[in-house]
Amino acid sequence: MLATIRTRPLFEIEKRLLSREGQWLVRTREIPELGPYRSRLEAIEGLYRHVTICTGTLRKQEPELARKFVEHSITECKEPECQLCADLLALAPDSRVVQLKA
């Protein structure tokens, strides 16, 4: 969908993730604790979404693709063979995610 995950790797992702009371938070420069998220994978997705929005990368994309990226949820995605889901799962191959694929 968007090449953000492949072309703009985020460094030190693990240092940006925080688990507290069964929920995940993301540390960013702009927001000390972004979240909460139900899983580590959702937190990674939230981190990429935040960085993509803050860096202005979405302005360079077609509006429909940008909207899909902002609204995407790996746990609620029903698109078979979703490239964004595949890219996110590649970032965290040890993550378990229950998707609502139809």
PDB file of N, CA and C in Angstrom:
ATOM      1  N   MET A   1       0.833  -1.187   0.000  1.00  0.00           N
ATOM      2  CA  MET A   1       0.000   0.000   0.000  1.00  0.00           C
ATOM      3  C   MET A   1       0.873   1.244   0.000  1.00  0.00           C
ATOM      4  N   LEU A   2       1.480   1.556   1.099  1.00  0.00           N
ATOM      5  CA  LEU A   2       2.428   2.668   1.167  1.00  0.00           C
ATOM      6  C   LEU A   2       3.812   2.094   1.387  1.00  0.00           C
ATOM      7  N   ALA A   3       4.770   2.680   0.790  1.00  0.00           N
ATOM      8  CA  ALA A   3       6.139   2.166   0.912  1.00  0.00           C
ATOM      9  C   ALA A   3       6.817   2.647   2.193  1.00  0.00           C
ATOM     10  N   THR A   4       6.095   3.290   3.050  1.00  0.00           N
ATOM     11  CA  THR A   4       6.679   3.851   4.267  1.00  0.00           C
ATOM     12  C   THR A   4       7.411   2.818   5.101  1.00  0.00           C
ATOM     13  N   ILE A   5       6.796   1.695   5.289  1.00  0.00           N
ATOM     14  CA  ILE A   5       7.391   0.678   6.147  1.00  0.00           C
ATOM     15  C   ILE A   5       8.669   0.135   5.520  1.00  0.00           C
ATOM     16  N   ARG A   6       8.678   0.019   4.204  1.00  0.00           N
ATOM     17  CA  ARG A   6       9.852  -0.528   3.530  1.00  0.00           C
ATOM     18  C   ARG A   6      10.943   0.510   3.303  1.00  0.00           C
ATOM     19  N   THR A   7      10.576   1.776   3.105  1.00  0.00           N
ATOM     20  CA  THR A   7      11.579   2.780   2.754  1.00  0.00           C
ATOM     21  C   THR A   7      12.019   3.648   3.924  1.00  0.00           C
ATOM     22  N   ARG A   8      11.243   3.708   4.970  1.00  0.00           N
ATOM     23  CA  ARG A   8      11.597   4.516   6.129  1.00  0.00           C
ATOM     24  C   ARG A   8      11.633   3.633   7.375  1.00  0.00           C
ATOM     25  N   PRO A   9      12.630   2.792   7.495  1.00  0.00           N
ATOM     26  CA  PRO A   9      12.660   1.941   8.680  1.00  0.00           C
ATOM     27  C   PRO A   9      12.828   2.784   9.945  1.00  0.00           C
ATOM     28  N   LEU A  10      12.142   2.401  10.961  1.00  0.00           N
ATOM     29  CA  LEU A  10      12.284   3.093  12.242  1.00  0.00           C
ATOM     30  C   LEU A  10      13.320   2.359  13.067  1.00  0.00           C
ATOM     31  N   PHE A  11      14.207   3.120  13.636  1.00  0.00           N
ATOM     32  CA  PHE A  11      15.254   2.532  14.448  1.00  0.00           C
ATOM     33  C   PHE A  11      14.823   2.510  15.904  1.00  0.00           C
ATOM     34  N   GLU A  12      15.348   1.555  16.618  1.00  0.00           N
ATOM     35  CA  GLU A  12      15.104   1.428  18.057  1.00  0.00           C
ATOM     36  C   GLU A  12      13.616   1.331  18.382  1.00  0.00           C
ATOM     37  N   ILE A  13      12.899   0.538  17.601  1.00  0.00           N
ATOM     38  CA  ILE A  13      11.463   0.375  17.851  1.00  0.00           C
ATOM     39  C   ILE A  13      11.233  -0.136  19.265  1.00  0.00           C
ATOM     40  N   GLU A  14      12.038  -1.103  19.689  1.00  0.00           N
ATOM     41  CA  GLU A  14      11.836  -1.690  21.015  1.00  0.00           C
ATOM     42  C   GLU A  14      11.965  -0.655  22.135  1.00  0.00           C
ATOM     43  N   LYS A  15      12.831   0.325  21.957  1.00  0.00           N
ATOM     44  CA  LYS A  15      12.987   1.368  22.980  1.00  0.00           C
ATOM     45  C   LYS A  15      11.782   2.304  23.010  1.00  0.00           C
ATOM     46  N   ARG A  16      11.006   2.321  21.946  1.00  0.00           N
ATOM     47  CA  ARG A  16       9.846   3.203  21.864  1.00  0.00           C
ATOM     48  C   ARG A  16       8.571   2.544  22.379  1.00  0.00           C
ATOM     49  N   LEU A  17       8.597   1.232  22.572  1.00  0.00           N
ATOM     50  CA  LEU A  17       7.419   0.505  23.028  1.00  0.00           C
ATOM     51  C   LEU A  17       7.447   0.325  24.534  1.00  0.00           C
ATOM     52  N   LEU A  18       6.304   0.462  25.143  1.00  0.00           N
ATOM     53  CA  LEU A  18       6.189   0.337  26.588  1.00  0.00           C
ATOM     54  C   LEU A  18       4.940  -0.475  26.912  1.00  0.00           C
ATOM     55  N   SER A  19       5.109  -1.513  27.708  1.00  0.00           N
ATOM     56  CA  SER A  19       3.977  -2.331  28.124  1.00  0.00           C
ATOM     57  C   SER A  19       3.634  -1.987  29.568  1.00  0.00           C
ATOM     58  N   ARG A  20       2.357  -1.699  29.786  1.00  0.00           N
ATOM     59  CA  ARG A  20       1.914  -1.344  31.134  1.00  0.00           C
ATOM     60  C   ARG A  20       0.492  -1.863  31.341  1.00  0.00           C
ATOM     61  N   GLU A  21       0.331  -2.646  32.390  1.00  0.00           N
ATOM     62  CA  GLU A  21      -0.985  -3.164  32.786  1.00  0.00           C
ATOM     63  C   GLU A  21      -1.703  -3.847  31.626  1.00  0.00           C
ATOM     64  N   GLY A  22      -0.973  -4.642  30.851  1.00  0.00           N
ATOM     65  CA  GLY A  22      -1.568  -5.404  29.770  1.00  0.00           C
ATOM     66  C   GLY A  22      -1.836  -4.623  28.494  1.00  0.00           C
ATOM     67  N   GLN A  23      -1.437  -3.370  28.464  1.00  0.00           N
ATOM     68  CA  GLN A  23      -1.617  -2.554  27.270  1.00  0.00           C
ATOM     69  C   GLN A  23      -0.274  -2.028  26.802  1.00  0.00           C
ATOM     70  N   TRP A  24      -0.215  -1.639  25.535  1.00  0.00           N
ATOM     71  CA  TRP A  24       1.023  -1.144  24.941  1.00  0.00           C
ATOM     72  C   TRP A  24       0.917   0.337  24.643  1.00  0.00           C
ATOM     73  N   LEU A  25       2.002   1.043  24.901  1.00  0.00           N
ATOM     74  CA  LEU A  25       2.107   2.474  24.617  1.00  0.00           C
ATOM     75  C   LEU A  25       3.332   2.691  23.741  1.00  0.00           C
ATOM     76  N   VAL A  26       3.336   3.813  23.028  1.00  0.00           N
ATOM     77  CA  VAL A  26       4.450   4.166  22.156  1.00  0.00           C
ATOM     78  C   VAL A  26       4.994   5.511  22.592  1.00  0.00           C
ATOM     79  N   ARG A  27       6.306   5.587  22.713  1.00  0.00           N
ATOM     80  CA  ARG A  27       6.961   6.861  23.033  1.00  0.00           C
ATOM     81  C   ARG A  27       7.354   7.549  21.732  1.00  0.00           C
ATOM     82  N   THR A  28       6.970   8.809  21.597  1.00  0.00           N
ATOM     83  CA  THR A  28       7.372   9.602  20.436  1.00  0.00           C
ATOM     84  C   THR A  28       7.890  10.944  20.935  1.00  0.00           C
ATOM     85  N   ARG A  29       8.518  11.671  20.045  1.00  0.00           N
ATOM     86  CA  ARG A  29       8.992  13.008  20.434  1.00  0.00           C
ATOM     87  C   ARG A  29       7.829  13.927  20.750  1.00  0.00           C
ATOM     88  N   GLU A  30       6.761  13.786  19.986  1.00  0.00           N
ATOM     89  CA  GLU A  30       5.623  14.692  20.123  1.00  0.00           C
ATOM     90  C   GLU A  30       4.679  14.301  21.254  1.00  0.00           C
ATOM     91  N   ILE A  31       4.530  12.998  21.471  1.00  0.00           N
ATOM     92  CA  ILE A  31       3.589  12.485  22.472  1.00  0.00           C
ATOM     93  C   ILE A  31       4.337  11.487  23.352  1.00  0.00           C
ATOM     94  N   PRO A  32       4.500  11.785  24.631  1.00  0.00           N
ATOM     95  CA  PRO A  32       5.273  10.885  25.497  1.00  0.00           C
ATOM     96  C   PRO A  32       4.735   9.465  25.572  1.00  0.00           C
ATOM     97  N   GLU A  33       3.419   9.306  25.554  1.00  0.00           N
ATOM     98  CA  GLU A  33       2.825   7.966  25.617  1.00  0.00           C
ATOM     99  C   GLU A  33       1.607   7.923  24.703  1.00  0.00           C
ATOM    100  N   LEU A  34       1.820   7.454  23.484  1.00  0.00           N
ATOM    101  CA  LEU A  34       0.758   7.330  22.493  1.00  0.00           C
ATOM    102  C   LEU A  34       0.087   5.980  22.677  1.00  0.00           C
ATOM    103  N   GLY A  35      -1.208   5.960  22.725  1.00  0.00           N
ATOM    104  CA  GLY A  35      -1.923   4.699  22.915  1.00  0.00           C
ATOM    105  C   GLY A  35      -3.063   4.900  23.883  1.00  0.00           C
ATOM    106  N   PRO A  36      -3.530   3.870  24.500  1.00  0.00           N
ATOM    107  CA  PRO A  36      -2.978   2.516  24.573  1.00  0.00           C
ATOM    108  C   PRO A  36      -3.425   1.649  23.402  1.00  0.00           C
ATOM    109  N   TYR A  37      -2.655   0.587  23.176  1.00  0.00           N
ATOM    110  CA  TYR A  37      -2.934  -0.411  22.152  1.00  0.00           C
ATOM    111  C   TYR A  37      -3.074  -1.766  22.834  1.00  0.00           C
ATOM    112  N   ARG A  38      -3.861  -2.642  22.229  1.00  0.00           N
ATOM    113  CA  ARG A  38      -4.118  -3.964  22.824  1.00  0.00           C
ATOM    114  C   ARG A  38      -2.955  -4.927  22.658  1.00  0.00           C
ATOM    115  N   SER A  39      -2.112  -4.696  21.639  1.00  0.00           N
ATOM    116  CA  SER A  39      -1.009  -5.622  21.392  1.00  0.00           C
ATOM    117  C   SER A  39       0.235  -4.869  20.940  1.00  0.00           C
ATOM    118  N   ARG A  40       1.349  -5.556  21.012  1.00  0.00           N
ATOM    119  CA  ARG A  40       2.624  -4.988  20.565  1.00  0.00           C
ATOM    120  C   ARG A  40       2.552  -4.638  19.081  1.00  0.00           C
ATOM    121  N   LEU A  41       1.946  -5.505  18.306  1.00  0.00           N
ATOM    122  CA  LEU A  41       1.836  -5.274  16.871  1.00  0.00           C
ATOM    123  C   LEU A  41       0.982  -4.049  16.558  1.00  0.00           C
ATOM    124  N   GLU A  42      -0.097  -3.873  17.268  1.00  0.00           N
ATOM    125  CA  GLU A  42      -0.920  -2.678  17.080  1.00  0.00           C
ATOM    126  C   GLU A  42      -0.140  -1.422  17.467  1.00  0.00           C
ATOM    127  N   ALA A  43       0.701  -1.519  18.486  1.00  0.00           N
ATOM    128  CA  ALA A  43       1.529  -0.379  18.887  1.00  0.00           C
ATOM    129  C   ALA A  43       2.534  -0.028  17.789  1.00  0.00           C
ATOM    130  N   ILE A  44       3.125  -1.049  17.167  1.00  0.00           N
ATOM    131  CA  ILE A  44       4.057  -0.806  16.060  1.00  0.00           C
ATOM    132  C   ILE A  44       3.317  -0.133  14.907  1.00  0.00           C
ATOM    133  N   GLU A  45       2.112  -0.603  14.613  1.00  0.00           N
ATOM    134  CA  GLU A  45       1.317   0.020  13.552  1.00  0.00           C
ATOM    135  C   GLU A  45       1.023   1.479  13.905  1.00  0.00           C
ATOM    136  N   GLY A  46       0.679   1.743  15.149  1.00  0.00           N
ATOM    137  CA  GLY A  46       0.418   3.110  15.592  1.00  0.00           C
ATOM    138  C   GLY A  46       1.652   3.989  15.481  1.00  0.00           C
ATOM    139  N   LEU A  47       2.815   3.429  15.784  1.00  0.00           N
ATOM    140  CA  LEU A  47       4.070   4.171  15.668  1.00  0.00           C
ATOM    141  C   LEU A  47       4.335   4.554  14.216  1.00  0.00           C
ATOM    142  N   TYR A  48       4.184   3.599  13.311  1.00  0.00           N
ATOM    143  CA  TYR A  48       4.395   3.895  11.890  1.00  0.00           C
ATOM    144  C   TYR A  48       3.383   4.918  11.381  1.00  0.00           C
ATOM    145  N   ARG A  49       2.138   4.799  11.805  1.00  0.00           N
ATOM    146  CA  ARG A  49       1.120   5.768  11.391  1.00  0.00           C
ATOM    147  C   ARG A  49       1.503   7.162  11.888  1.00  0.00           C
ATOM    148  N   HIS A  50       1.903   7.254  13.131  1.00  0.00           N
ATOM    149  CA  HIS A  50       2.284   8.543  13.713  1.00  0.00           C
ATOM    150  C   HIS A  50       3.460   9.167  12.955  1.00  0.00           C
ATOM    151  N   VAL A  51       4.495   8.391  12.705  1.00  0.00           N
ATOM    152  CA  VAL A  51       5.677   8.902  12.011  1.00  0.00           C
ATOM    153  C   VAL A  51       5.329   9.319  10.589  1.00  0.00           C
ATOM    154  N   THR A  52       4.500   8.531   9.916  1.00  0.00           N
ATOM    155  CA  THR A  52       4.111   8.851   8.547  1.00  0.00           C
ATOM    156  C   THR A  52       3.341  10.163   8.489  1.00  0.00           C
ATOM    157  N   ILE A  53       2.467  10.377   9.439  1.00  0.00           N
ATOM    158  CA  ILE A  53       1.706  11.625   9.484  1.00  0.00           C
ATOM    159  C   ILE A  53       2.627  12.799   9.817  1.00  0.00           C
ATOM    160  N   CYS A  54       3.475  12.647  10.816  1.00  0.00           N
ATOM    161  CA  CYS A  54       4.336  13.745  11.265  1.00  0.00           C
ATOM    162  C   CYS A  54       5.408  14.133  10.246  1.00  0.00           C
ATOM    163  N   THR A  55       5.865  13.186   9.447  1.00  0.00           N
ATOM    164  CA  THR A  55       6.908  13.497   8.468  1.00  0.00           C
ATOM    165  C   THR A  55       6.341  14.049   7.168  1.00  0.00           C
ATOM    166  N   GLY A  56       5.029  14.054   7.027  1.00  0.00           N
ATOM    167  CA  GLY A  56       4.415  14.577   5.816  1.00  0.00           C
ATOM    168  C   GLY A  56       4.415  13.605   4.654  1.00  0.00           C
ATOM    169  N   THR A  57       4.780  12.358   4.898  1.00  0.00           N
ATOM    170  CA  THR A  57       4.836  11.362   3.842  1.00  0.00           C
ATOM    171  C   THR A  57       3.471  11.164   3.182  1.00  0.00           C
ATOM    172  N   LEU A  58       2.398  11.293   3.937  1.00  0.00           N
ATOM    173  CA  LEU A  58       1.066  11.070   3.383  1.00  0.00           C
ATOM    174  C   LEU A  58       0.688  12.102   2.329  1.00  0.00           C
ATOM    175  N   ARG A  59       1.229  13.306   2.418  1.00  0.00           N
ATOM    176  CA  ARG A  59       0.898  14.342   1.433  1.00  0.00           C
ATOM    177  C   ARG A  59       1.354  13.958   0.034  1.00  0.00           C
ATOM    178  N   LYS A  60       2.335  13.068  -0.053  1.00  0.00           N
ATOM    179  CA  LYS A  60       2.880  12.660  -1.345  1.00  0.00           C
ATOM    180  C   LYS A  60       2.097  11.488  -1.948  1.00  0.00           C
ATOM    181  N   GLN A  61       1.133  10.960  -1.222  1.00  0.00           N
ATOM    182  CA  GLN A  61       0.379   9.786  -1.663  1.00  0.00           C
ATOM    183  C   GLN A  61      -0.968  10.196  -2.245  1.00  0.00           C
ATOM    184  N   GLU A  62      -1.540   9.279  -2.994  1.00  0.00           N
ATOM    185  CA  GLU A  62      -2.897   9.489  -3.486  1.00  0.00           C
ATOM    186  C   GLU A  62      -3.826   9.549  -2.273  1.00  0.00           C
ATOM    187  N   PRO A  63      -4.815  10.441  -2.297  1.00  0.00           N
ATOM    188  CA  PRO A  63      -5.699  10.598  -1.125  1.00  0.00           C
ATOM    189  C   PRO A  63      -6.335   9.293  -0.658  1.00  0.00           C
ATOM    190  N   GLU A  64      -6.758   8.444  -1.584  1.00  0.00           N
ATOM    191  CA  GLU A  64      -7.409   7.185  -1.185  1.00  0.00           C
ATOM    192  C   GLU A  64      -6.435   6.262  -0.455  1.00  0.00           C
ATOM    193  N   LEU A  65      -5.197   6.171  -0.931  1.00  0.00           N
ATOM    194  CA  LEU A  65      -4.202   5.339  -0.257  1.00  0.00           C
ATOM    195  C   LEU A  65      -3.856   5.906   1.111  1.00  0.00           C
ATOM    196  N   ALA A  66      -3.749   7.209   1.201  1.00  0.00           N
ATOM    197  CA  ALA A  66      -3.450   7.845   2.485  1.00  0.00           C
ATOM    198  C   ALA A  66      -4.574   7.579   3.484  1.00  0.00           C
ATOM    199  N   ARG A  67      -5.815   7.683   3.028  1.00  0.00           N
ATOM    200  CA  ARG A  67      -6.953   7.433   3.918  1.00  0.00           C
ATOM    201  C   ARG A  67      -6.940   5.991   4.412  1.00  0.00           C
ATOM    202  N   LYS A  68      -6.682   5.035   3.502  1.00  0.00           N
ATOM    203  CA  LYS A  68      -6.634   3.628   3.898  1.00  0.00           C
ATOM    204  C   LYS A  68      -5.547   3.380   4.937  1.00  0.00           C
ATOM    205  N   PHE A  69      -4.392   4.020   4.743  1.00  0.00           N
ATOM    206  CA  PHE A  69      -3.290   3.839   5.683  1.00  0.00           C
ATOM    207  C   PHE A  69      -3.659   4.371   7.067  1.00  0.00           C
ATOM    208  N   VAL A  70      -4.240   5.556   7.126  1.00  0.00           N
ATOM    209  CA  VAL A  70      -4.597   6.168   8.407  1.00  0.00           C
ATOM    210  C   VAL A  70      -5.680   5.363   9.113  1.00  0.00           C
ATOM    211  N   GLU A  71      -6.612   4.807   8.369  1.00  0.00           N
ATOM    212  CA  GLU A  71      -7.726   4.078   8.970  1.00  0.00           C
ATOM    213  C   GLU A  71      -7.437   2.595   9.182  1.00  0.00           C
ATOM    214  N   HIS A  72      -6.322   2.102   8.707  1.00  0.00           N
ATOM    215  CA  HIS A  72      -6.013   0.669   8.775  1.00  0.00           C
ATOM    216  C   HIS A  72      -5.853   0.188  10.215  1.00  0.00           C
ATOM    217  N   SER A  73      -6.341  -0.994  10.474  1.00  0.00           N
ATOM    218  CA  SER A  73      -6.148  -1.672  11.751  1.00  0.00           C
ATOM    219  C   SER A  73      -5.838  -3.128  11.452  1.00  0.00           C
ATOM    220  N   ILE A  74      -4.694  -3.583  11.879  1.00  0.00           N
ATOM    221  CA  ILE A  74      -4.290  -4.950  11.565  1.00  0.00           C
ATOM    222  C   ILE A  74      -5.246  -5.985  12.155  1.00  0.00           C
ATOM    223  N   THR A  75      -5.892  -5.669  13.251  1.00  0.00           N
ATOM    224  CA  THR A  75      -6.820  -6.633  13.851  1.00  0.00           C
ATOM    225  C   THR A  75      -8.207  -6.578  13.223  1.00  0.00           C
ATOM    226  N   GLU A  76      -8.538  -5.492  12.552  1.00  0.00           N
ATOM    227  CA  GLU A  76      -9.860  -5.367  11.946  1.00  0.00           C
ATOM    228  C   GLU A  76      -9.841  -5.470  10.431  1.00  0.00           C
ATOM    229  N   CYS A  77      -8.681  -5.586   9.823  1.00  0.00           N
ATOM    230  CA  CYS A  77      -8.550  -5.647   8.374  1.00  0.00           C
ATOM    231  C   CYS A  77      -9.227  -6.903   7.826  1.00  0.00           C
ATOM    232  N   LYS A  78     -10.033  -6.728   6.809  1.00  0.00           N
ATOM    233  CA  LYS A  78     -10.736  -7.847   6.184  1.00  0.00           C
ATOM    234  C   LYS A  78     -10.277  -8.069   4.752  1.00  0.00           C
ATOM    235  N   GLU A  79      -9.266  -7.324   4.318  1.00  0.00           N
ATOM    236  CA  GLU A  79      -8.778  -7.442   2.951  1.00  0.00           C
ATOM    237  C   GLU A  79      -7.875  -8.664   2.820  1.00  0.00           C
ATOM    238  N   PRO A  80      -8.249  -9.594   1.963  1.00  0.00           N
ATOM    239  CA  PRO A  80      -7.377 -10.761   1.777  1.00  0.00           C
ATOM    240  C   PRO A  80      -6.075 -10.320   1.123  1.00  0.00           C
ATOM    241  N   GLU A  81      -4.985 -10.899   1.571  1.00  0.00           N
ATOM    242  CA  GLU A  81      -3.669 -10.589   1.019  1.00  0.00           C
ATOM    243  C   GLU A  81      -3.308  -9.099   1.167  1.00  0.00           C
ATOM    244  N   CYS A  82      -3.650  -8.507   2.281  1.00  0.00           N
ATOM    245  CA  CYS A  82      -3.360  -7.091   2.531  1.00  0.00           C
ATOM    246  C   CYS A  82      -1.847  -6.887   2.654  1.00  0.00           C
ATOM    247  N   GLN A  83      -1.287  -6.053   1.810  1.00  0.00           N
ATOM    248  CA  GLN A  83       0.149  -5.814   1.810  1.00  0.00           C
ATOM    249  C   GLN A  83       0.594  -5.091   3.082  1.00  0.00           C
ATOM    250  N   LEU A  84      -0.223  -4.171   3.581  1.00  0.00           N
ATOM    251  CA  LEU A  84       0.139  -3.456   4.802  1.00  0.00           C
ATOM    252  C   LEU A  84       0.196  -4.423   5.987  1.00  0.00           C
ATOM    253  N   CYS A  85      -0.764  -5.323   6.092  1.00  0.00           N
ATOM    254  CA  CYS A  85      -0.735  -6.333   7.157  1.00  0.00           C
ATOM    255  C   CYS A  85       0.522  -7.194   7.036  1.00  0.00           C
ATOM    256  N   ALA A  86       0.843  -7.604   5.820  1.00  0.00           N
ATOM    257  CA  ALA A  86       2.035  -8.433   5.599  1.00  0.00           C
ATOM    258  C   ALA A  86       3.298  -7.681   6.009  1.00  0.00           C
ATOM    259  N   ASP A  87       3.379  -6.393   5.664  1.00  0.00           N
ATOM    260  CA  ASP A  87       4.545  -5.588   6.029  1.00  0.00           C
ATOM    261  C   ASP A  87       4.667  -5.452   7.545  1.00  0.00           C
ATOM    262  N   LEU A  88       3.548  -5.237   8.218  1.00  0.00           N
ATOM    263  CA  LEU A  88       3.569  -5.101   9.676  1.00  0.00           C
ATOM    264  C   LEU A  88       3.965  -6.418  10.342  1.00  0.00           C
ATOM    265  N   LEU A  89       3.421  -7.515   9.849  1.00  0.00           N
ATOM    266  CA  LEU A  89       3.769  -8.814  10.423  1.00  0.00           C
ATOM    267  C   LEU A  89       5.237  -9.152  10.193  1.00  0.00           C
ATOM    268  N   ALA A  90       5.812  -8.667   9.099  1.00  0.00           N
ATOM    269  CA  ALA A  90       7.237  -8.887   8.840  1.00  0.00           C
ATOM    270  C   ALA A  90       8.104  -8.134   9.849  1.00  0.00           C
ATOM    271  N   LEU A  91       7.594  -7.018  10.355  1.00  0.00           N
ATOM    272  CA  LEU A  91       8.328  -6.250  11.363  1.00  0.00           C
ATOM    273  C   LEU A  91       8.346  -6.968  12.707  1.00  0.00           C
ATOM    274  N   ALA A  92       7.325  -7.722  12.972  1.00  0.00           N
ATOM    275  CA  ALA A  92       7.205  -8.410  14.258  1.00  0.00           C
ATOM    276  C   ALA A  92       6.771  -9.846  14.011  1.00  0.00           C
ATOM    277  N   PRO A  93       7.656 -10.663  13.422  1.00  0.00           N
ATOM    278  CA  PRO A  93       7.264 -12.024  13.042  1.00  0.00           C
ATOM    279  C   PRO A  93       6.856 -12.909  14.210  1.00  0.00           C
ATOM    280  N   ASP A  94       7.280 -12.569  15.412  1.00  0.00           N
ATOM    281  CA  ASP A  94       6.924 -13.381  16.569  1.00  0.00           C
ATOM    282  C   ASP A  94       5.585 -12.972  17.177  1.00  0.00           C
ATOM    283  N   SER A  95       4.947 -11.963  16.606  1.00  0.00           N
ATOM    284  CA  SER A  95       3.676 -11.475  17.146  1.00  0.00           C
ATOM    285  C   SER A  95       2.530 -12.371  16.721  1.00  0.00           C
ATOM    286  N   ARG A  96       1.618 -12.511  17.624  1.00  0.00           N
ATOM    287  CA  ARG A  96       0.375 -13.208  17.313  1.00  0.00           C
ATOM    288  C   ARG A  96      -0.691 -12.152  17.121  1.00  0.00           C
ATOM    289  N   VAL A  97      -1.477 -12.309  16.091  1.00  0.00           N
ATOM    290  CA  VAL A  97      -2.552 -11.361  15.864  1.00  0.00           C
ATOM    291  C   VAL A  97      -3.779 -12.133  15.408  1.00  0.00           C
ATOM    292  N   VAL A  98      -4.906 -11.782  15.981  1.00  0.00           N
ATOM    293  CA  VAL A  98      -6.162 -12.379  15.574  1.00  0.00           C
ATOM    294  C   VAL A  98      -6.818 -11.375  14.629  1.00  0.00           C
ATOM    295  N   GLN A  99      -6.870 -11.741  13.368  1.00  0.00           N
ATOM    296  CA  GLN A  99      -7.453 -10.856  12.376  1.00  0.00           C
ATOM    297  C   GLN A  99      -8.846 -11.323  12.018  1.00  0.00           C
ATOM    298  N   LEU A 100      -9.673 -10.401  11.619  1.00  0.00           N
ATOM    299  CA  LEU A 100     -11.047 -10.691  11.272  1.00  0.00           C
ATOM    300  C   LEU A 100     -11.200 -10.915   9.785  1.00  0.00           C
ATOM    301  N   LYS A 101     -10.225 -11.541   9.163  1.00  0.00           N
ATOM    302  CA  LYS A 101     -10.269 -11.775   7.720  1.00  0.00           C
ATOM    303  C   LYS A 101     -11.551 -12.534   7.357  1.00  0.00           C
ATOM    304  N   ALA A 102     -12.207 -12.050   6.330  1.00  0.00           N
ATOM    305  CA  ALA A 102     -13.463 -12.679   5.899  1.00  0.00           C
ATOM    306  C   ALA A 102     -13.193 -13.786   4.898  1.00  0.00           C
TER     307      ALA A 102
END
